[in-house]
PDB file of N, CA and C in Angstrom:
ATOM      1  N   MET A   1      98.304  86.420 130.068  1.00  0.00           N
ATOM      2  CA  MET A   1      97.306  86.773 129.137  1.00  0.00           C
ATOM      3  C   MET A   1      97.984  87.041 127.718  1.00  0.00           C
ATOM      4  N   GLN A   2      97.572  86.641 126.679  1.00  0.00           N
ATOM      5  CA  GLN A   2      98.100  86.837 125.321  1.00  0.00           C
ATOM      6  C   GLN A   2      97.093  87.895 124.636  1.00  0.00           C
ATOM      7  N   ILE A   3      97.679  89.003 124.277  1.00  0.00           N
ATOM      8  CA  ILE A   3      96.903  89.962 123.632  1.00  0.00           C
ATOM      9  C   ILE A   3      97.355  90.222 122.347  1.00  0.00           C
ATOM     10  N   GLY A   4      96.439  90.116 121.160  1.00  0.00           N
ATOM     11  CA  GLY A   4      96.932  90.286 119.722  1.00  0.00           C
ATOM     12  C   GLY A   4      96.788  91.628 119.405  1.00  0.00           C
ATOM     13  N   LYS A   5      97.458  91.967 118.368  1.00  0.00           N
ATOM     14  CA  LYS A   5      97.421  93.297 117.605  1.00  0.00           C
ATOM     15  C   LYS A   5      96.091  93.855 117.548  1.00  0.00           C
ATOM     16  N   ARG A   6      96.056  95.213 117.510  1.00  0.00           N
ATOM     17  CA  ARG A   6      94.789  95.834 117.231  1.00  0.00           C
ATOM     18  C   ARG A   6      95.096  96.795 116.082  1.00  0.00           C
ATOM     19  N   VAL A   7      94.342  96.645 115.045  1.00  0.00           N
ATOM     20  CA  VAL A   7      94.418  97.529 113.817  1.00  0.00           C
ATOM     21  C   VAL A   7      93.388  98.588 113.786  1.00  0.00           C
ATOM     22  N   TYR A   8      93.942  99.826 114.134  1.00  0.00           N
ATOM     23  CA  TYR A   8      93.012 100.930 113.980  1.00  0.00           C
ATOM     24  C   TYR A   8      93.153 101.412 112.410  1.00  0.00           C
ATOM     25  N   PHE A   9      91.983 101.765 111.956  1.00  0.00           N
ATOM     26  CA  PHE A   9      91.986 102.182 110.514  1.00  0.00           C
ATOM     27  C   PHE A   9      90.943 103.169 110.172  1.00  0.00           C
ATOM     28  N   ASP A  10      91.059 103.851 109.139  1.00  0.00           N
ATOM     29  CA  ASP A  10      90.133 104.955 108.693  1.00  0.00           C
ATOM     30  C   ASP A  10      88.956 104.075 108.124  1.00  0.00           C
ATOM     31  N   ASN A  11      87.755 104.221 108.733  1.00  0.00           N
ATOM     32  CA  ASN A  11      86.589 103.463 108.317  1.00  0.00           C
ATOM     33  C   ASN A  11      86.036 103.889 106.949  1.00  0.00           C
ATOM     34  N   ARG A  12      86.488 105.004 106.518  1.00  0.00           N
ATOM     35  CA  ARG A  12      86.082 105.384 105.074  1.00  0.00           C
ATOM     36  C   ARG A  12      86.851 104.893 103.964  1.00  0.00           C
ATOM     37  N   THR A  13      88.252 104.579 104.259  1.00  0.00           N
ATOM     38  CA  THR A  13      89.221 104.126 103.177  1.00  0.00           C
ATOM     39  C   THR A  13      89.671 102.677 103.476  1.00  0.00           C
ATOM     40  N   GLY A  14      89.792 102.298 104.862  1.00  0.00           N
ATOM     41  CA  GLY A  14      90.273 101.164 105.231  1.00  0.00           C
ATOM     42  C   GLY A  14      91.746 101.174 105.352  1.00  0.00           C
ATOM     43  N   ASN A  15      92.423 102.378 105.146  1.00  0.00           N
ATOM     44  CA  ASN A  15      93.781 102.577 105.423  1.00  0.00           C
ATOM     45  C   ASN A  15      94.192 102.500 106.981  1.00  0.00           C
ATOM     46  N   ALA A  16      95.230 101.896 107.288  1.00  0.00           N
ATOM     47  CA  ALA A  16      95.562 101.795 108.665  1.00  0.00           C
ATOM     48  C   ALA A  16      96.120 103.224 109.240  1.00  0.00           C
ATOM     49  N   ILE A  17      95.678 103.399 110.472  1.00  0.00           N
ATOM     50  CA  ILE A  17      96.104 104.570 111.186  1.00  0.00           C
ATOM     51  C   ILE A  17      97.266 104.178 112.123  1.00  0.00           C
ATOM     52  N   THR A  18      97.005 103.140 112.851  1.00  0.00           N
ATOM     53  CA  THR A  18      98.012 102.633 113.809  1.00  0.00           C
ATOM     54  C   THR A  18      97.781 101.127 114.101  1.00  0.00           C
ATOM     55  N   VAL A  19      98.816 100.405 114.501  1.00  0.00           N
ATOM     56  CA  VAL A  19      98.699  99.063 114.787  1.00  0.00           C
ATOM     57  C   VAL A  19      99.418  98.901 116.069  1.00  0.00           C
ATOM     58  N   THR A  20      98.696  98.431 117.127  1.00  0.00           N
ATOM     59  CA  THR A  20      99.225  98.175 118.435  1.00  0.00           C
ATOM     60  C   THR A  20      99.980  96.879 118.439  1.00  0.00           C
ATOM     61  N   GLY A  21     101.076  96.766 119.241  1.00  0.00           N
ATOM     62  CA  GLY A  21     101.823  95.576 119.244  1.00  0.00           C
ATOM     63  C   GLY A  21     101.052  94.421 120.035  1.00  0.00           C
ATOM     64  N   GLU A  22     101.501  93.190 119.835  1.00  0.00           N
ATOM     65  CA  GLU A  22     100.860  92.152 120.511  1.00  0.00           C
ATOM     66  C   GLU A  22     101.850  91.690 121.728  1.00  0.00           C
ATOM     67  N   THR A  23     101.383  91.279 122.777  1.00  0.00           N
ATOM     68  CA  THR A  23     102.103  90.955 123.918  1.00  0.00           C
ATOM     69  C   THR A  23     101.522  89.572 124.606  1.00  0.00           C
ATOM     70  N   SER A  24     102.457  88.887 125.287  1.00  0.00           N
ATOM     71  CA  SER A  24     101.896  87.763 125.997  1.00  0.00           C
ATOM     72  C   SER A  24     102.032  88.095 127.533  1.00  0.00           C
ATOM     73  N   PHE A  25     102.195  89.271 127.873  1.00  0.00           N
ATOM     74  CA  PHE A  25     102.098  89.681 129.215  1.00  0.00           C
ATOM     75  C   PHE A  25     101.497  91.259 129.288  1.00  0.00           C
ATOM     76  N   GLY A  26     100.867  91.591 130.337  1.00  0.00           N
ATOM     77  CA  GLY A  26     100.473  92.911 130.376  1.00  0.00           C
ATOM     78  C   GLY A  26      98.991  92.947 130.556  1.00  0.00           C
ATOM     79  N   PHE A  27      98.117  93.977 130.133  1.00  0.00           N
ATOM     80  CA  PHE A  27      96.844  94.162 130.157  1.00  0.00           C
ATOM     81  C   PHE A  27      96.216  94.694 128.884  1.00  0.00           C
ATOM     82  N   GLU A  28      95.047  94.394 128.738  1.00  0.00           N
ATOM     83  CA  GLU A  28      94.275  95.047 127.476  1.00  0.00           C
ATOM     84  C   GLU A  28      93.833  96.353 127.745  1.00  0.00           C
ATOM     85  N   THR A  29      94.009  97.275 126.838  1.00  0.00           N
ATOM     86  CA  THR A  29      93.708  98.572 126.844  1.00  0.00           C
ATOM     87  C   THR A  29      92.309  98.804 126.077  1.00  0.00           C
ATOM     88  N   SER A  30      91.690  99.906 126.395  1.00  0.00           N
ATOM     89  CA  SER A  30      90.436 100.386 125.882  1.00  0.00           C
ATOM     90  C   SER A  30      90.718 101.239 124.617  1.00  0.00           C
ATOM     91  N   PHE A  31      89.794 101.503 123.909  1.00  0.00           N
ATOM     92  CA  PHE A  31      89.847 102.314 122.797  1.00  0.00           C
ATOM     93  C   PHE A  31      90.269 103.804 123.382  1.00  0.00           C
ATOM     94  N   GLU A  32      89.682 104.242 124.341  1.00  0.00           N
ATOM     95  CA  GLU A  32      89.959 105.592 125.015  1.00  0.00           C
ATOM     96  C   GLU A  32      91.321 105.651 125.405  1.00  0.00           C
ATOM     97  N   GLN A  33      91.937 104.607 125.977  1.00  0.00           N
ATOM     98  CA  GLN A  33      93.302 104.637 126.430  1.00  0.00           C
ATOM     99  C   GLN A  33      94.175 104.650 125.208  1.00  0.00           C
ATOM    100  N   ASP A  34      93.923 103.831 124.293  1.00  0.00           N
ATOM    101  CA  ASP A  34      94.686 103.939 122.972  1.00  0.00           C
ATOM    102  C   ASP A  34      94.676 105.328 122.262  1.00  0.00           C
ATOM    103  N   TYR A  35      93.348 105.865 122.275  1.00  0.00           N
ATOM    104  CA  TYR A  35      93.337 107.066 121.579  1.00  0.00           C
ATOM    105  C   TYR A  35      94.119 108.177 122.288  1.00  0.00           C
ATOM    106  N   GLU A  36      94.183 108.134 123.563  1.00  0.00           N
ATOM    107  CA  GLU A  36      94.930 109.138 124.389  1.00  0.00           C
ATOM    108  C   GLU A  36      96.503 108.769 124.140  1.00  0.00           C
ATOM    109  N   PHE A  37      96.857 107.646 124.032  1.00  0.00           N
ATOM    110  CA  PHE A  37      98.240 107.196 123.953  1.00  0.00           C
ATOM    111  C   PHE A  37      98.948 107.428 122.485  1.00  0.00           C
ATOM    112  N   TYR A  38      98.167 107.095 121.508  1.00  0.00           N
ATOM    113  CA  TYR A  38      98.844 107.047 120.018  1.00  0.00           C
ATOM    114  C   TYR A  38      98.408 108.397 119.474  1.00  0.00           C
ATOM    115  N   PRO A  39      99.522 109.189 119.262  1.00  0.00           N
ATOM    116  CA  PRO A  39      99.227 110.454 118.486  1.00  0.00           C
ATOM    117  C   PRO A  39      98.555 110.413 117.116  1.00  0.00           C
ATOM    118  N   SER A  40      98.966 109.301 116.557  1.00  0.00           N
ATOM    119  CA  SER A  40      98.307 109.079 115.152  1.00  0.00           C
ATOM    120  C   SER A  40      96.663 109.008 115.225  1.00  0.00           C
ATOM    121  N   LEU A  41      96.329 108.386 116.315  1.00  0.00           N
ATOM    122  CA  LEU A  41      94.833 108.255 116.623  1.00  0.00           C
ATOM    123  C   LEU A  41      94.195 109.667 116.856  1.00  0.00           C
ATOM    124  N   LYS A  42      94.956 110.277 117.682  1.00  0.00           N
ATOM    125  CA  LYS A  42      94.379 111.665 118.064  1.00  0.00           C
ATOM    126  C   LYS A  42      94.289 112.676 116.912  1.00  0.00           C
ATOM    127  N   ALA A  43      95.081 112.326 115.899  1.00  0.00           N
ATOM    128  CA  ALA A  43      94.898 113.277 114.711  1.00  0.00           C
ATOM    129  C   ALA A  43      93.747 113.026 113.794  1.00  0.00           C
ATOM    130  N   VAL A  44      92.981 111.920 114.200  1.00  0.00           N
ATOM    131  CA  VAL A  44      91.825 111.726 113.439  1.00  0.00           C
ATOM    132  C   VAL A  44      90.522 111.716 114.231  1.00  0.00           C
ATOM    133  N   ASP A  45      89.487 112.175 113.663  1.00  0.00           N
ATOM    134  CA  ASP A  45      88.191 112.296 114.335  1.00  0.00           C
ATOM    135  C   ASP A  45      87.753 110.816 114.726  1.00  0.00           C
ATOM    136  N   LYS A  46      87.255 110.686 115.978  1.00  0.00           N
ATOM    137  CA  LYS A  46      86.921 109.508 116.421  1.00  0.00           C
ATOM    138  C   LYS A  46      85.849 108.708 115.575  1.00  0.00           C
ATOM    139  N   GLN A  47      85.062 109.480 115.105  1.00  0.00           N
ATOM    140  CA  GLN A  47      83.855 108.951 114.222  1.00  0.00           C
ATOM    141  C   GLN A  47      84.454 108.184 113.037  1.00  0.00           C
ATOM    142  N   PHE A  48      85.629 108.494 112.594  1.00  0.00           N
ATOM    143  CA  PHE A  48      86.209 107.908 111.392  1.00  0.00           C
ATOM    144  C   PHE A  48      87.249 106.908 111.707  1.00  0.00           C
ATOM    145  N   ILE A  49      87.245 106.332 112.934  1.00  0.00           N
ATOM    146  CA  ILE A  49      88.206 105.248 113.326  1.00  0.00           C
ATOM    147  C   ILE A  49      87.532 103.894 113.510  1.00  0.00           C
ATOM    148  N   GLY A  50      87.939 103.011 112.852  1.00  0.00           N
ATOM    149  CA  GLY A  50      87.503 101.635 112.953  1.00  0.00           C
ATOM    150  C   GLY A  50      88.511 100.732 113.751  1.00  0.00           C
ATOM    151  N   CYS A  51      88.163  99.643 114.210  1.00  0.00           N
ATOM    152  CA  CYS A  51      89.173  98.805 114.865  1.00  0.00           C
ATOM    153  C   CYS A  51      88.900  97.334 114.609  1.00  0.00           C
ATOM    154  N   LYS A  52      89.970  96.726 114.362  1.00  0.00           N
ATOM    155  CA  LYS A  52      90.022  95.262 114.103  1.00  0.00           C
ATOM    156  C   LYS A  52      90.915  94.576 115.133  1.00  0.00           C
ATOM    157  N   GLN A  53      90.270  93.851 116.022  1.00  0.00           N
ATOM    158  CA  GLN A  53      91.213  93.085 117.058  1.00  0.00           C
ATOM    159  C   GLN A  53      91.568  91.842 116.440  1.00  0.00           C
ATOM    160  N   LEU A  54      92.820  91.529 116.600  1.00  0.00           N
ATOM    161  CA  LEU A  54      93.338  90.149 116.011  1.00  0.00           C
ATOM    162  C   LEU A  54      93.705  89.341 117.267  1.00  0.00           C
ATOM    163  N   GLN A  55      93.637  88.147 117.027  1.00  0.00           N
ATOM    164  CA  GLN A  55      94.073  87.066 117.961  1.00  0.00           C
ATOM    165  C   GLN A  55      95.640  87.144 118.105  1.00  0.00           C
ATOM    166  N   TYR A  56      96.135  86.749 119.216  1.00  0.00           N
ATOM    167  CA  TYR A  56      97.616  86.799 119.475  1.00  0.00           C
ATOM    168  C   TYR A  56      98.142  85.872 118.288  1.00  0.00           C
ATOM    169  N   GLY A  57      99.062  86.327 117.660  1.00  0.00           N
ATOM    170  CA  GLY A  57      99.848  85.556 116.482  1.00  0.00           C
ATOM    171  C   GLY A  57      99.033  85.554 115.169  1.00  0.00           C
ATOM    172  N   GLU A  58      97.812  86.050 115.133  1.00  0.00           N
ATOM    173  CA  GLU A  58      96.928  85.966 113.822  1.00  0.00           C
ATOM    174  C   GLU A  58      97.693  86.781 112.816  1.00  0.00           C
ATOM    175  N   ASN A  59      97.826  86.319 111.576  1.00  0.00           N
ATOM    176  CA  ASN A  59      98.409  86.854 110.486  1.00  0.00           C
ATOM    177  C   ASN A  59      99.899  87.320 110.685  1.00  0.00           C
ATOM    178  N   CYS A  60     100.545  86.837 111.595  1.00  0.00           N
ATOM    179  CA  CYS A  60     101.956  87.161 111.734  1.00  0.00           C
ATOM    180  C   CYS A  60     102.949  86.981 110.527  1.00  0.00           C
ATOM    181  N   GLN A  61     102.524  85.864 109.765  1.00  0.00           N
ATOM    182  CA  GLN A  61     103.391  85.534 108.643  1.00  0.00           C
ATOM    183  C   GLN A  61     103.084  86.733 107.460  1.00  0.00           C
ATOM    184  N   GLU A  62     101.855  87.103 107.380  1.00  0.00           N
ATOM    185  CA  GLU A  62     101.457  87.990 106.391  1.00  0.00           C
ATOM    186  C   GLU A  62     101.892  89.416 106.816  1.00  0.00           C
ATOM    187  N   PHE A  63     101.998  89.829 107.997  1.00  0.00           N
ATOM    188  CA  PHE A  63     102.618  91.170 108.389  1.00  0.00           C
ATOM    189  C   PHE A  63     104.010  91.111 108.087  1.00  0.00           C
ATOM    190  N   ALA A  64     104.702  89.945 108.337  1.00  0.00           N
ATOM    191  CA  ALA A  64     106.159  89.973 107.987  1.00  0.00           C
ATOM    192  C   ALA A  64     106.581  89.934 106.596  1.00  0.00           C
ATOM    193  N   GLU A  65     105.691  89.487 105.665  1.00  0.00           N
ATOM    194  CA  GLU A  65     106.038  89.271 104.322  1.00  0.00           C
ATOM    195  C   GLU A  65     105.377  90.492 103.376  1.00  0.00           C
ATOM    196  N   CYS A  66     104.413  91.189 103.915  1.00  0.00           N
ATOM    197  CA  CYS A  66     103.751  92.184 103.094  1.00  0.00           C
ATOM    198  C   CYS A  66     104.483  93.433 102.886  1.00  0.00           C
ATOM    199  N   ASP A  67     103.978  94.116 101.867  1.00  0.00           N
ATOM    200  CA  ASP A  67     104.576  95.476 101.727  1.00  0.00           C
ATOM    201  C   ASP A  67     103.484  96.499 102.026  1.00  0.00           C
ATOM    202  N   GLY A  68     102.283  95.961 102.399  1.00  0.00           N
ATOM    203  CA  GLY A  68     101.246  96.971 102.714  1.00  0.00           C
ATOM    204  C   GLY A  68      99.982  96.163 103.064  1.00  0.00           C
ATOM    205  N   PHE A  69      99.027  96.706 103.797  1.00  0.00           N
ATOM    206  CA  PHE A  69      97.866  96.126 104.225  1.00  0.00           C
ATOM    207  C   PHE A  69      96.770  97.188 104.455  1.00  0.00           C
ATOM    208  N   ARG A  70      95.424  96.618 104.473  1.00  0.00           N
ATOM    209  CA  ARG A  70      94.378  97.610 104.770  1.00  0.00           C
ATOM    210  C   ARG A  70      93.248  96.794 105.264  1.00  0.00           C
ATOM    211  N   VAL A  71      92.250  97.406 105.784  1.00  0.00           N
ATOM    212  CA  VAL A  71      91.021  96.748 106.058  1.00  0.00           C
ATOM    213  C   VAL A  71      89.918  96.889 104.920  1.00  0.00           C
ATOM    214  N   ASN A  72      89.287  95.873 104.505  1.00  0.00           N
ATOM    215  CA  ASN A  72      88.323  96.044 103.608  1.00  0.00           C
ATOM    216  C   ASN A  72      87.079  96.705 104.314  1.00  0.00           C
ATOM    217  N   VAL A  73      86.677  97.905 103.936  1.00  0.00           N
ATOM    218  CA  VAL A  73      85.662  98.645 104.765  1.00  0.00           C
ATOM    219  C   VAL A  73      84.279  97.907 104.572  1.00  0.00           C
ATOM    220  N   GLU A  74      84.065  97.080 103.658  1.00  0.00           N
ATOM    221  CA  GLU A  74      82.792  96.400 103.532  1.00  0.00           C
ATOM    222  C   GLU A  74      82.733  95.136 104.404  1.00  0.00           C
ATOM    223  N   THR A  75      83.863  94.368 104.345  1.00  0.00           N
ATOM    224  CA  THR A  75      83.866  92.952 104.963  1.00  0.00           C
ATOM    225  C   THR A  75      84.546  93.117 106.383  1.00  0.00           C
ATOM    226  N   LYS A  76      85.363  94.197 106.584  1.00  0.00           N
ATOM    227  CA  LYS A  76      86.057  94.385 107.726  1.00  0.00           C
ATOM    228  C   LYS A  76      87.167  93.353 107.936  1.00  0.00           C
ATOM    229  N   GLU A  77      87.543  92.703 106.752  1.00  0.00           N
ATOM    230  CA  GLU A  77      88.629  91.774 106.726  1.00  0.00           C
ATOM    231  C   GLU A  77      90.024  92.385 106.373  1.00  0.00           C
ATOM    232  N   LEU A  78      91.113  91.891 106.825  1.00  0.00           N
ATOM    233  CA  LEU A  78      92.400  92.446 106.362  1.00  0.00           C
ATOM    234  C   LEU A  78      92.663  91.985 104.982  1.00  0.00           C
ATOM    235  N   GLU A  79      93.234  92.898 104.249  1.00  0.00           N
ATOM    236  CA  GLU A  79      93.858  92.492 102.900  1.00  0.00           C
ATOM    237  C   GLU A  79      95.266  92.992 102.872  1.00  0.00           C
ATOM    238  N   PHE A  80      96.088  92.167 102.204  1.00  0.00           N
ATOM    239  CA  PHE A  80      97.537  92.438 102.178  1.00  0.00           C
ATOM    240  C   PHE A  80      97.972  92.572 100.722  1.00  0.00           C
ATOM    241  N   SER A  81      99.109  93.212 100.515  1.00  0.00           N
ATOM    242  CA  SER A  81      99.678  93.384  99.286  1.00  0.00           C
ATOM    243  C   SER A  81     101.136  92.836  99.505  1.00  0.00           C
ATOM    244  N   TYR A  82     101.710  92.056  98.579  1.00  0.00           N
ATOM    245  CA  TYR A  82     102.999  91.409  98.480  1.00  0.00           C
ATOM    246  C   TYR A  82     103.979  91.908  97.615  1.00  0.00           C
ATOM    247  N   PRO A  83     105.010  92.150  97.909  1.00  0.00           N
ATOM    248  CA  PRO A  83     106.074  92.690  96.869  1.00  0.00           C
ATOM    249  C   PRO A  83     106.434  91.568  95.762  1.00  0.00           C
ATOM    250  N   ASP A  84     106.555  92.157  94.576  1.00  0.00           N
ATOM    251  CA  ASP A  84     106.736  91.164  93.509  1.00  0.00           C
ATOM    252  C   ASP A  84     108.311  91.686  93.055  1.00  0.00           C
ATOM    253  N   PRO A  85     109.273  90.950  93.351  1.00  0.00           N
ATOM    254  CA  PRO A  85     110.718  91.157  93.025  1.00  0.00           C
ATOM    255  C   PRO A  85     110.947  91.490  91.584  1.00  0.00           C
ATOM    256  N   SER A  86     110.133  90.865  90.622  1.00  0.00           N
ATOM    257  CA  SER A  86     110.385  91.096  89.277  1.00  0.00           C
ATOM    258  C   SER A  86     109.673  92.469  88.744  1.00  0.00           C
ATOM    259  N   LYS A  87     108.775  93.023  89.667  1.00  0.00           N
ATOM    260  CA  LYS A  87     108.128  94.234  89.344  1.00  0.00           C
ATOM    261  C   LYS A  87     108.070  95.206  90.429  1.00  0.00           C
ATOM    262  N   PRO A  88     109.236  95.674  90.819  1.00  0.00           N
ATOM    263  CA  PRO A  88     109.395  96.577  92.045  1.00  0.00           C
ATOM    264  C   PRO A  88     108.720  97.832  92.005  1.00  0.00           C
ATOM    265  N   ASP A  89     108.308  98.288  90.875  1.00  0.00           N
ATOM    266  CA  ASP A  89     107.539  99.612  90.717  1.00  0.00           C
ATOM    267  C   ASP A  89     106.029  99.293  90.587  1.00  0.00           C
ATOM    268  N   ALA A  90     105.566  98.085  90.495  1.00  0.00           N
ATOM    269  CA  ALA A  90     104.101  97.754  90.265  1.00  0.00           C
ATOM    270  C   ALA A  90     103.287  98.254  91.514  1.00  0.00           C
ATOM    271  N   PRO A  91     101.966  98.770  91.098  1.00  0.00           N
ATOM    272  CA  PRO A  91     101.208  99.277  92.102  1.00  0.00           C
ATOM    273  C   PRO A  91     100.730  98.192  92.930  1.00  0.00           C
ATOM    274  N   GLN A  92     100.442  98.550  94.276  1.00  0.00           N
ATOM    275  CA  GLN A  92     100.062  97.515  95.272  1.00  0.00           C
ATOM    276  C   GLN A  92      98.745  96.862  94.944  1.00  0.00           C
ATOM    277  N   VAL A  93      98.630  95.587  95.104  1.00  0.00           N
ATOM    278  CA  VAL A  93      97.334  94.864  94.764  1.00  0.00           C
ATOM    279  C   VAL A  93      97.017  94.209  96.031  1.00  0.00           C
ATOM    280  N   PHE A  94      95.821  94.491  96.708  1.00  0.00           N
ATOM    281  CA  PHE A  94      95.448  94.088  98.003  1.00  0.00           C
ATOM    282  C   PHE A  94      94.671  92.870  97.735  1.00  0.00           C
ATOM    283  N   GLN A  95      94.875  91.799  98.521  1.00  0.00           N
ATOM    284  CA  GLN A  95      94.266  90.505  98.518  1.00  0.00           C
ATOM    285  C   GLN A  95      94.080  89.860  99.888  1.00  0.00           C
ATOM    286  N   LYS A  96      93.361  88.719  99.905  1.00  0.00           N
ATOM    287  CA  LYS A  96      93.157  87.999 101.089  1.00  0.00           C
ATOM    288  C   LYS A  96      94.709  87.514 101.588  1.00  0.00           C
ATOM    289  N   PRO A  97      94.696  87.198 102.821  1.00  0.00           N
ATOM    290  CA  PRO A  97      96.079  86.704 103.215  1.00  0.00           C
ATOM    291  C   PRO A  97      96.314  85.404 102.471  1.00  0.00           C
ATOM    292  N   LEU A  98      97.652  85.328 102.244  1.00  0.00           N
ATOM    293  CA  LEU A  98      98.172  84.123 101.407  1.00  0.00           C
ATOM    294  C   LEU A  98      97.804  82.836 102.136  1.00  0.00           C
ATOM    295  N   THR A  99      97.925  82.720 103.545  1.00  0.00           N
ATOM    296  CA  THR A  99      97.530  81.575 104.142  1.00  0.00           C
ATOM    297  C   THR A  99      96.035  81.223 103.990  1.00  0.00           C
ATOM    298  N   GLU A 100      95.135  82.163 103.923  1.00  0.00           N
ATOM    299  CA  GLU A 100      93.772  81.904 103.679  1.00  0.00           C
ATOM    300  C   GLU A 100      93.519  81.421 102.249  1.00  0.00           C
ATOM    301  N   GLN A 101      94.339  82.007 101.301  1.00  0.00           N
ATOM    302  CA  GLN A 101      94.214  81.586  99.897  1.00  0.00           C
ATOM    303  C   GLN A 101      94.730  80.038  99.690  1.00  0.00           C
ATOM    304  N   ILE A 102      95.856  79.836 100.288  1.00  0.00           N
ATOM    305  CA  ILE A 102      96.342  78.397 100.291  1.00  0.00           C
ATOM    306  C   ILE A 102      95.302  77.528 100.851  1.00  0.00           C
ATOM    307  N   LYS A 103      94.684  77.761 101.908  1.00  0.00           N
ATOM    308  CA  LYS A 103      93.612  76.849 102.423  1.00  0.00           C
ATOM    309  C   LYS A 103      92.544  76.659 101.525  1.00  0.00           C
ATOM    310  N   GLU A 104      92.016  77.706 100.858  1.00  0.00           N
ATOM    311  CA  GLU A 104      90.993  77.592  99.815  1.00  0.00           C
ATOM    312  C   GLU A 104      91.461  76.670  98.706  1.00  0.00           C
ATOM    313  N   LEU A 105      92.635  76.933  98.280  1.00  0.00           N
ATOM    314  CA  LEU A 105      93.055  76.111  97.064  1.00  0.00           C
ATOM    315  C   LEU A 105      93.362  74.669  97.516  1.00  0.00           C
ATOM    316  N   GLN A 106      93.745  74.323  98.751  1.00  0.00           N
ATOM    317  CA  GLN A 106      93.812  73.036  99.164  1.00  0.00           C
ATOM    318  C   GLN A 106      92.488  72.276  99.088  1.00  0.00           C
ATOM    319  N   THR A 107      91.390  73.003  99.516  1.00  0.00           N
ATOM    320  CA  THR A 107      90.102  72.544  99.624  1.00  0.00           C
ATOM    321  C   THR A 107      89.534  72.276  98.238  1.00  0.00           C
ATOM    322  N   GLN A 108      89.848  73.276  97.295  1.00  0.00           N
ATOM    323  CA  GLN A 108      89.407  73.050  95.814  1.00  0.00           C
ATOM    324  C   GLN A 108      90.215  71.880  95.181  1.00  0.00           C
ATOM    325  N   LEU A 109      91.437  71.692  95.595  1.00  0.00           N
ATOM    326  CA  LEU A 109      92.214  70.549  95.089  1.00  0.00           C
ATOM    327  C   LEU A 109      91.675  69.343  95.422  1.00  0.00           C
ATOM    328  N   LYS A 110      91.380  69.176  96.800  1.00  0.00           N
ATOM    329  CA  LYS A 110      90.642  67.877  97.333  1.00  0.00           C
ATOM    330  C   LYS A 110      89.384  67.594  96.551  1.00  0.00           C
ATOM    331  N   ILE A 111      88.545  68.540  96.393  1.00  0.00           N
ATOM    332  CA  ILE A 111      87.320  68.349  95.730  1.00  0.00           C
ATOM    333  C   ILE A 111      87.563  67.812  94.216  1.00  0.00           C
ATOM    334  N   ALA A 112      88.533  68.446  93.642  1.00  0.00           N
ATOM    335  CA  ALA A 112      88.823  67.934  92.189  1.00  0.00           C
ATOM    336  C   ALA A 112      89.383  66.691  92.255  1.00  0.00           C
ATOM    337  N   GLN A 113      90.353  66.300  93.179  1.00  0.00           N
ATOM    338  CA  GLN A 113      90.845  65.053  93.228  1.00  0.00           C
ATOM    339  C   GLN A 113      89.846  63.918  93.507  1.00  0.00           C
ATOM    340  N   ASP A 114      89.005  64.310  94.596  1.00  0.00           N
ATOM    341  CA  ASP A 114      87.699  63.343  94.701  1.00  0.00           C
ATOM    342  C   ASP A 114      87.044  63.084  93.549  1.00  0.00           C
ATOM    343  N   ALA A 115      86.733  64.073  92.774  1.00  0.00           N
ATOM    344  CA  ALA A 115      85.936  63.918  91.510  1.00  0.00           C
ATOM    345  C   ALA A 115      86.665  63.021  90.490  1.00  0.00           C
ATOM    346  N   ILE A 116      87.859  63.226  90.356  1.00  0.00           N
ATOM    347  CA  ILE A 116      88.714  62.483  89.357  1.00  0.00           C
ATOM    348  C   ILE A 116      88.883  61.029  89.829  1.00  0.00           C
ATOM    349  N   ASP A 117      89.109  60.838  91.182  1.00  0.00           N
ATOM    350  CA  ASP A 117      89.101  59.447  91.821  1.00  0.00           C
ATOM    351  C   ASP A 117      87.746  58.752  91.458  1.00  0.00           C
ATOM    352  N   PHE A 118      86.585  59.479  91.624  1.00  0.00           N
ATOM    353  CA  PHE A 118      85.246  58.844  91.363  1.00  0.00           C
ATOM    354  C   PHE A 118      85.149  58.443  89.843  1.00  0.00           C
ATOM    355  N   LEU A 119      85.580  59.361  89.057  1.00  0.00           N
ATOM    356  CA  LEU A 119      85.351  59.151  87.575  1.00  0.00           C
ATOM    357  C   LEU A 119      86.302  57.907  87.269  1.00  0.00           C
ATOM    358  N   VAL A 120      87.397  57.785  87.769  1.00  0.00           N
ATOM    359  CA  VAL A 120      88.402  56.721  87.374  1.00  0.00           C
ATOM    360  C   VAL A 120      87.847  55.497  87.842  1.00  0.00           C
ATOM    361  N   MET A 121      87.271  55.432  89.088  1.00  0.00           N
ATOM    362  CA  MET A 121      86.773  54.190  89.718  1.00  0.00           C
ATOM    363  C   MET A 121      85.320  53.798  89.036  1.00  0.00           C
ATOM    364  N   ASN A 122      84.721  54.626  88.316  1.00  0.00           N
ATOM    365  CA  ASN A 122      83.506  54.235  87.676  1.00  0.00           C
ATOM    366  C   ASN A 122      83.563  54.246  86.192  1.00  0.00           C
ATOM    367  N   GLY A 123      84.717  54.149  85.828  1.00  0.00           N
ATOM    368  CA  GLY A 123      84.957  54.106  84.242  1.00  0.00           C
ATOM    369  C   GLY A 123      84.683  55.303  83.468  1.00  0.00           C
ATOM    370  N   GLY A 124      84.800  56.382  84.009  1.00  0.00           N
ATOM    371  CA  GLY A 124      84.542  57.740  83.364  1.00  0.00           C
ATOM    372  C   GLY A 124      83.097  58.170  83.155  1.00  0.00           C
ATOM    373  N   MET A 125      82.210  57.369  83.885  1.00  0.00           N
ATOM    374  CA  MET A 125      80.842  57.794  83.778  1.00  0.00           C
ATOM    375  C   MET A 125      80.386  59.000  84.513  1.00  0.00           C
TER     376      MET A 125
END
């Protein structure tokens, strides 16, 4: 059984409280079990804890490359910040995962290319 990461976060701010590891063996735990196991969870009132369950391997590249992440409290989606080597002291800017941004740009590029091809084939009309 493959079990993905579980991101526990402060549901008021979106800041991560703890992230469970992912595993390809073992068993899935409940919130109550995690609450008792992780001291960082026990330090927060249960009513302020949100949880985002990820699929096994989901966002692994983003977690490896980011310098911070949070959960958007409105959309419940993960947002990442990535380091800029040319501006090491710049404040974190949170955004959608880069892999998602690339997919959106590829879709937009295909639409634009299809429009250009249509115009070229129809004499610019």
